[in-house]
Amino acid sequence: MEIAFGIILLVLAVFLIVAGMFSQGGEDGLSGTIVGGSESFFGKGKEKKKDKVLFIATAIVSALFGVLVLVMNIVIK
């Protein structure tokens, strides 16, 4: 049972790391304005939708991760 919880925790941790790496920063700052930012007029909606889905998935997985850590702590004792 503990091994299964450990494997699930490992998978969730890897997902959280990858999701954090793929998430976009909320601000481009002055450098994005000068260089010209990577978003075009037609691509803005798609990027916002992808970021929203990634944000929701990250929130759900992080909540599952926290609950699983608590459950695992109770099971081990």
Protein backbone atom coordinates (compact mmCIF):
# COMPACT_ATOMS: atom_id res chain seq x y z
CA MET A 1 0.00 0.00 0.00
CA GLU A 2 2.80 2.39 0.89
CA ILE A 3 4.60 1.62 -2.35
CA ALA A 4 1.47 2.47 -4.38
CA PHE A 5 1.07 5.78 -2.51
CA GLY A 6 4.76 6.51 -3.10
CA ILE A 7 4.48 5.87 -6.83
CA ILE A 8 1.37 8.06 -7.08
CA LEU A 9 3.16 10.83 -5.14
CA LEU A 10 6.12 10.59 -7.48
CA VAL A 11 3.91 10.87 -10.57
CA LEU A 12 2.04 13.86 -9.10
CA ALA A 13 5.32 15.55 -8.16
CA VAL A 14 6.69 15.13 -11.68
CA PHE A 15 3.45 16.55 -13.12
CA LEU A 16 3.69 19.58 -10.82
CA ILE A 17 7.29 20.22 -11.87
CA VAL A 18 6.48 19.93 -15.58
CA ALA A 19 3.35 22.07 -15.23
CA GLY A 20 5.37 24.73 -13.45
CA MET A 21 7.91 24.74 -16.26
CA PHE A 22 5.21 25.06 -18.94
CA SER A 23 3.25 27.83 -17.22
CA GLN A 24 3.62 31.29 -18.66
CA GLY A 25 4.60 34.26 -16.56
CA GLY A 26 1.86 36.79 -15.94
CA GLU A 27 3.90 39.72 -17.19
CA ASP A 28 6.22 40.25 -20.11
CA GLY A 29 7.57 43.51 -18.76
CA LEU A 30 9.39 46.10 -20.79
CA SER A 31 11.54 43.57 -22.64
CA GLY A 32 8.42 41.95 -24.14
CA THR A 33 7.26 45.33 -25.37
CA ILE A 34 10.61 46.26 -26.92
CA VAL A 35 11.32 42.88 -28.50
CA GLY A 36 7.73 42.39 -29.55
CA GLY A 37 6.36 39.57 -27.41
CA SER A 38 5.67 36.12 -28.76
CA GLU A 39 1.89 36.48 -28.97
CA SER A 40 0.15 37.57 -32.12
CA PHE A 41 -3.38 38.93 -32.39
CA PHE A 42 -4.83 35.58 -33.42
CA GLY A 43 -2.92 33.49 -30.88
CA LYS A 44 -3.89 35.35 -27.69
CA GLY A 45 -7.13 33.45 -27.04
CA LYS A 46 -5.53 30.04 -27.45
CA GLU A 47 -2.69 30.86 -25.07
CA LYS A 48 -5.07 32.16 -22.42
CA LYS A 49 -7.21 29.03 -22.66
CA LYS A 50 -4.16 26.77 -22.41
CA ASP A 51 -2.87 28.70 -19.39
CA LYS A 52 -6.27 28.50 -17.70
CA VAL A 53 -6.51 24.74 -18.21
CA LEU A 54 -2.94 24.30 -16.97
CA PHE A 55 -3.67 26.47 -13.92
CA ILE A 56 -6.78 24.47 -13.01
CA ALA A 57 -5.02 21.14 -13.56
CA THR A 58 -2.09 22.29 -11.40
CA ALA A 59 -4.44 23.39 -8.62
CA ILE A 60 -6.27 20.05 -8.65
CA VAL A 61 -3.07 17.99 -8.74
CA SER A 62 -1.48 20.03 -5.95
CA ALA A 63 -4.58 19.52 -3.78
CA LEU A 64 -4.45 15.76 -4.50
CA PHE A 65 -0.75 15.79 -3.65
CA GLY A 66 -1.40 17.47 -0.30
CA VAL A 67 -4.25 15.13 0.60
CA LEU A 68 -2.21 12.08 -0.39
CA VAL A 69 0.71 13.22 1.76
CA LEU A 70 -1.63 13.56 4.74
CA VAL A 71 -3.21 10.14 4.09
CA MET A 72 0.21 8.56 3.70
CA ASN A 73 1.34 10.13 6.98
CA ILE A 74 -1.68 8.60 8.75
CA VAL A 75 -1.18 5.18 7.13
CA ILE A 76 2.51 4.98 8.00
CA LYS A 77 1.88 5.70 11.69
